[in-house]
Protein backbone atom coordinates (compact mmCIF):
# COMPACT_ATOMS: atom_id res chain seq x y z
CA MET A 1 101.42 119.48 136.18
CA LYS A 2 98.87 117.01 137.54
CA ARG A 3 96.49 117.86 134.71
CA ILE A 4 99.22 117.24 132.13
CA LYS A 5 99.99 113.85 133.69
CA ARG A 6 96.29 113.00 133.74
CA TYR A 7 95.78 113.70 130.04
CA LEU A 8 99.02 111.94 129.11
CA PHE A 9 97.89 108.92 131.13
CA LEU A 10 94.60 108.82 129.22
CA LEU A 11 96.42 108.97 125.88
CA PHE A 12 98.92 106.29 126.92
CA LEU A 13 96.08 104.10 128.18
CA LEU A 14 94.31 104.47 124.85
CA ALA A 15 97.56 103.70 123.04
CA ALA A 16 98.07 100.56 125.15
CA VAL A 17 94.55 99.30 124.42
CA CYS A 18 95.05 99.92 120.69
CA LEU A 19 98.48 98.25 120.82
CA TYR A 20 96.75 95.15 122.16
CA GLY A 21 94.33 95.38 119.24
CA LEU A 22 97.23 95.37 116.77
CA THR A 23 99.44 92.72 118.38
CA LEU A 24 97.73 90.23 120.72
CA TYR A 25 94.18 90.55 119.46
CA PRO A 26 93.53 87.56 117.17
CA HIS A 27 91.66 89.38 114.39
CA SER A 28 93.06 91.37 111.47
CA PRO A 29 92.06 94.99 110.73
CA VAL A 30 92.13 94.36 106.98
CA LYS A 31 90.95 90.76 106.52
CA SER A 32 87.55 89.25 107.14
CA SER A 33 87.45 87.20 110.34
CA GLY A 34 83.73 86.61 110.82
CA THR A 35 80.34 86.87 109.23
CA SER A 36 78.90 90.15 108.03
CA LEU A 37 77.67 92.57 110.72
CA GLU A 38 78.15 90.37 113.76
CA ALA A 39 77.06 91.92 117.04
CA PRO A 40 79.66 92.53 119.78
CA SER A 41 80.65 89.37 121.57
CA ALA A 42 83.54 87.70 123.40
CA VAL A 43 84.99 86.75 120.02
CA HIS A 44 84.60 90.16 118.36
CA PHE A 45 84.65 92.82 121.08
CA LEU A 46 82.90 95.47 118.96
CA GLY A 47 81.39 93.23 116.29
CA THR A 48 82.19 93.23 112.57
CA ASP A 49 81.35 95.46 109.61
CA ASN A 50 79.56 94.55 106.40
CA LEU A 51 82.68 92.74 105.12
CA GLY A 52 83.13 90.72 108.29
CA ILE A 53 86.22 92.69 109.38
CA ASP A 54 86.62 93.16 113.13
CA ILE A 55 85.78 96.72 114.20
CA PHE A 56 87.98 96.78 117.31
CA ALA A 57 91.01 95.84 115.20
CA GLN A 58 90.16 98.61 112.73
CA LEU A 59 89.86 101.14 115.57
CA ALA A 60 93.26 100.11 116.91
CA LYS A 61 94.90 100.54 113.52
CA GLY A 62 93.07 103.83 113.00
CA PHE A 63 94.43 105.21 116.28
CA TYR A 64 98.06 104.69 115.29
CA LEU A 65 97.41 105.90 111.76
CA SER A 66 95.82 109.10 113.12
CA MET A 67 98.55 109.68 115.69
CA MET A 68 101.29 109.00 113.12
CA THR A 69 99.67 111.45 110.71
CA GLY A 70 99.14 114.06 113.42
CA VAL A 71 102.61 113.82 114.97
CA THR A 72 104.38 113.83 111.58
CA ALA A 73 102.45 116.90 110.42
CA ALA A 74 103.10 118.57 113.79
CA VAL A 75 106.87 117.94 113.51
CA CYS A 76 106.93 119.35 109.97
CA SER A 77 104.92 122.41 111.03
CA PHE A 78 107.06 122.75 114.18
CA ALA A 79 110.27 122.81 112.12
CA ALA A 80 109.06 124.99 109.24
CA GLY A 81 107.13 127.46 111.40
CA GLY A 82 109.91 127.70 113.97
CA VAL A 83 112.73 128.28 111.47
CA LEU A 84 110.80 130.75 109.32
CA GLY A 85 109.44 132.59 112.35
CA VAL A 86 112.92 132.99 113.84
CA CYS A 87 114.34 134.17 110.51
CA ALA A 88 111.55 136.72 110.06
CA GLY A 89 111.72 138.04 113.62
CA TYR A 90 115.50 138.16 113.92
CA CYS A 91 116.58 139.27 110.44
CA GLY A 92 113.78 141.78 109.81
CA ARG A 93 113.64 143.99 106.72
CA ARG A 94 113.29 142.14 103.41
CA THR A 95 113.48 138.68 104.96
CA ASP A 96 110.69 139.58 107.34
CA ALA A 97 108.63 141.13 104.54
CA VAL A 98 108.91 138.07 102.28
CA ILE A 99 108.17 135.52 105.01
CA SER A 100 105.33 137.61 106.43
CA PHE A 101 103.79 137.90 102.96
CA PHE A 102 103.71 134.14 102.45
CA THR A 103 102.52 133.65 106.03
CA ASN A 104 99.56 135.95 105.46
CA VAL A 105 98.80 134.25 102.13
CA PHE A 106 98.59 130.83 103.75
CA LEU A 107 96.57 132.19 106.67
CA SER A 108 94.05 133.83 104.33
CA VAL A 109 93.45 130.76 102.14
CA PRO A 110 90.36 128.70 103.11
CA GLN A 111 92.00 125.45 104.13
CA LEU A 112 89.36 122.76 103.72
CA PRO A 113 88.27 123.57 100.12
CA VAL A 114 91.88 123.87 98.96
CA MET A 115 92.81 120.66 100.78
CA ILE A 116 89.93 118.86 99.05
CA VAL A 117 91.01 120.10 95.60
CA ILE A 118 94.70 119.30 96.15
CA GLY A 119 93.87 115.93 97.66
CA ALA A 120 91.70 115.08 94.67
CA PHE A 121 94.51 115.92 92.22
CA TRP A 122 97.40 114.39 94.19
CA GLY A 123 95.64 111.10 94.80
CA GLN A 124 94.66 109.00 97.79
CA SER A 125 97.71 108.75 100.01
CA THR A 126 98.36 109.28 103.71
CA TRP A 127 101.64 111.06 102.94
CA ASN A 128 99.85 113.47 100.62
CA ILE A 129 97.50 114.34 103.48
CA ILE A 130 100.47 114.92 105.81
CA LEU A 131 102.08 117.21 103.24
CA ILE A 132 98.87 119.14 102.63
CA VAL A 133 98.10 119.60 106.33
CA SER A 134 101.69 120.64 107.10
CA ALA A 135 101.59 123.22 104.31
CA PHE A 136 98.58 124.88 105.96
CA SER A 137 99.73 124.56 109.59
CA TRP A 138 103.15 126.22 109.64
CA ALA A 139 101.92 129.77 109.00
CA SER A 140 100.18 130.36 112.34
CA ILE A 141 103.21 128.97 114.20
CA ALA A 142 105.61 131.16 112.23
CA LYS A 143 103.53 134.25 112.98
CA GLN A 144 103.58 133.60 116.74
CA VAL A 145 107.28 132.76 116.79
CA ARG A 146 108.09 135.90 114.79
CA ALA A 147 106.26 138.07 117.33
CA LYS A 148 108.06 136.40 120.25
CA VAL A 149 111.50 136.73 118.62
CA MET A 150 110.92 140.40 117.83
CA SER A 151 110.07 141.08 121.47
CA VAL A 152 113.14 139.18 122.74
CA ARG A 153 115.48 140.68 120.13
CA ASN A 154 115.30 144.15 121.66
CA ARG A 155 115.83 143.14 125.29
CA ASN A 156 118.88 144.55 127.04
CA TYR A 157 120.76 141.28 127.49
CA VAL A 158 120.35 140.40 123.79
CA VAL A 159 121.51 143.85 122.68
CA LEU A 160 124.49 143.55 125.06
CA ALA A 161 125.38 140.09 123.73
CA ARG A 162 125.24 141.42 120.19
CA SER A 163 127.49 144.33 121.08
CA TYR A 164 130.10 141.87 122.40
CA GLY A 165 130.14 140.13 119.03
CA ALA A 166 127.71 137.26 119.61
CA GLY A 167 126.48 135.79 116.35
CA PRO A 168 122.87 135.03 115.37
CA TRP A 169 123.13 131.30 116.08
CA TYR A 170 124.53 131.94 119.59
CA ILE A 171 121.83 134.49 120.41
CA VAL A 172 119.02 132.27 119.15
CA ARG A 173 120.37 129.20 120.96
CA LYS A 174 121.22 130.90 124.26
CA HIS A 175 118.65 133.67 124.60
CA MET A 176 115.68 132.88 122.35
CA LEU A 177 115.23 129.13 122.22
CA GLY A 178 114.02 128.97 125.82
CA GLU A 179 111.40 131.60 125.02
CA ILE A 180 110.05 130.09 121.81
CA PHE A 181 110.27 126.36 122.60
CA PRO A 182 107.22 126.34 124.92
CA LEU A 183 105.28 128.19 122.24
CA LEU A 184 106.31 125.63 119.64
CA LEU A 185 105.47 122.72 121.95
CA VAL A 186 101.93 123.92 122.66
CA ASN A 187 101.31 124.61 118.98
CA ALA A 188 102.66 121.19 118.02
CA VAL A 189 100.15 119.45 120.30
CA ALA A 190 97.35 121.63 118.91
CA VAL A 191 98.43 120.88 115.32
CA THR A 192 98.35 117.15 116.11
CA GLY A 193 94.68 117.42 117.06
CA ARG A 194 93.80 119.57 114.05
CA THR A 195 95.59 117.18 111.73
CA ILE A 196 93.60 114.21 113.01
CA ILE A 197 90.37 116.13 112.38
CA GLN A 198 91.45 117.18 108.89
CA GLU A 199 92.68 113.69 108.00
CA SER A 200 89.38 112.21 109.15
CA SER A 201 87.47 114.83 107.16
CA LEU A 202 89.40 114.05 103.97
CA ALA A 203 89.02 110.31 104.60
CA TYR A 204 85.27 110.77 105.05
CA LEU A 205 85.18 112.51 101.66
CA GLY A 206 87.07 109.60 100.08
CA LEU A 207 90.38 111.45 99.60
CA SER A 208 92.59 109.22 101.75
CA ASP A 209 94.11 105.79 101.26
CA PRO A 210 91.16 103.35 101.05
CA LEU A 211 93.30 100.62 102.64
CA ALA A 212 94.38 102.76 105.59
CA LYS A 213 91.37 101.97 107.81
CA SER A 214 91.28 105.45 109.29
CA TRP A 215 88.45 106.58 111.56
CA GLY A 216 87.07 108.92 108.90
CA LEU A 217 86.91 106.08 106.40
CA MET A 218 85.17 103.85 108.95
CA ILE A 219 82.58 106.57 109.59
CA GLN A 220 82.07 107.06 105.85
CA ASN A 221 81.60 103.32 105.24
CA ALA A 222 79.15 102.98 108.11
CA SER A 223 77.09 106.08 107.31
CA SER A 224 76.80 105.17 103.62
CA PHE A 225 75.60 101.64 104.34
CA THR A 226 71.97 101.16 103.30
CA GLY A 227 69.65 100.89 106.26
CA ILE A 228 72.29 101.68 108.89
CA TYR A 229 69.88 103.92 110.81
CA PHE A 230 66.98 101.46 110.65
CA THR A 231 68.88 98.63 112.30
CA ASP A 232 71.07 98.14 115.36
CA TYR A 233 74.24 98.06 113.25
CA TRP A 234 75.02 101.73 113.97
CA LYS A 235 75.51 100.95 117.66
CA TRP A 236 78.74 98.99 117.09
CA TRP A 237 79.76 100.17 113.62
CA LEU A 238 79.24 103.96 113.67
CA ILE A 239 79.46 104.99 117.33
CA PRO A 240 82.94 103.50 118.17
CA PRO A 241 84.98 105.43 115.54
CA VAL A 242 83.10 108.65 116.32
CA ALA A 243 83.68 108.16 120.06
CA MET A 244 87.38 107.39 119.53
CA LEU A 245 87.83 110.47 117.34
CA VAL A 246 86.07 112.77 119.80
CA PHE A 247 87.87 111.36 122.85
CA THR A 248 91.33 111.59 121.26
CA ILE A 249 90.80 115.17 120.05
CA PHE A 250 89.36 116.10 123.44
CA CYS A 251 92.43 114.75 125.27
CA LEU A 252 94.82 116.52 122.90
CA ARG A 253 92.98 119.84 123.24
CA LEU A 254 92.98 119.61 127.03
CA LEU A 255 96.65 118.60 127.00
CA ALA A 256 97.55 121.63 124.88
CA GLN A 257 95.59 123.91 127.20
CA ALA A 258 97.18 122.41 130.32
CA LEU A 259 100.67 122.73 128.81
CA GLU A 260 100.05 126.36 127.92
CA GLU A 261 98.79 127.24 131.39
CA TRP A 262 101.67 125.41 133.08
CA LEU A 263 104.34 127.05 130.92
CA LEU A 264 102.83 130.52 131.34
CA ARG A 265 102.61 130.05 135.09
CA ASP A 266 106.30 129.10 135.27
CA ARG A 267 107.15 132.21 133.24
């Protein structure tokens, strides 16, 4: 539990710093507020980019954009994977066969190439990215939930409840939800981290909203700037978004691992 609190504290601390960058910090993440490529100073904490836009303000906006994208995709995957997994594991037979077929199809498709093609056709939108990532994240959750429901379905107390006339909704709510919710929670945190990586990858390839100021777009703009590696500009333009991306994903991965270990220990 201490590890979970530690990682949550780090994420909340990062969120508080970025909230300051969006509210009290005097510079805009989308409008020029200084000269081109200013070095870090008391006025611009992390300097400015080639358009004179403050980098710290962009990082703050990118954090909330990434977390919004990740959490939204995780909720969609949580709901779709949970419902379909329960239906497949509890109903069995044809329902299980159909859902398992589509689950295996989505698990076998190479995600990144298909996401790039779909993103190119659907246009540059954050909501398109959320939809694409959710479509490729529910299958692994559904497969795990299906296996858990099938194991719980044949336990003595579930069979006894069914023999006394308990309906599917009652059995799922009373006897299965407590078993599958920890599984869904851990997977939701993991999906949040994967979504942030995938959103940044698509943004780096130019397939996200160009006005969104995501970390992937910041990295793409910095790395494509002529002479970035022959000057000191990379120190305050390229390193901060990379460091923020790595640190956030690292905290989410460790949080998912700590949650899994804590829940399994309580079981």
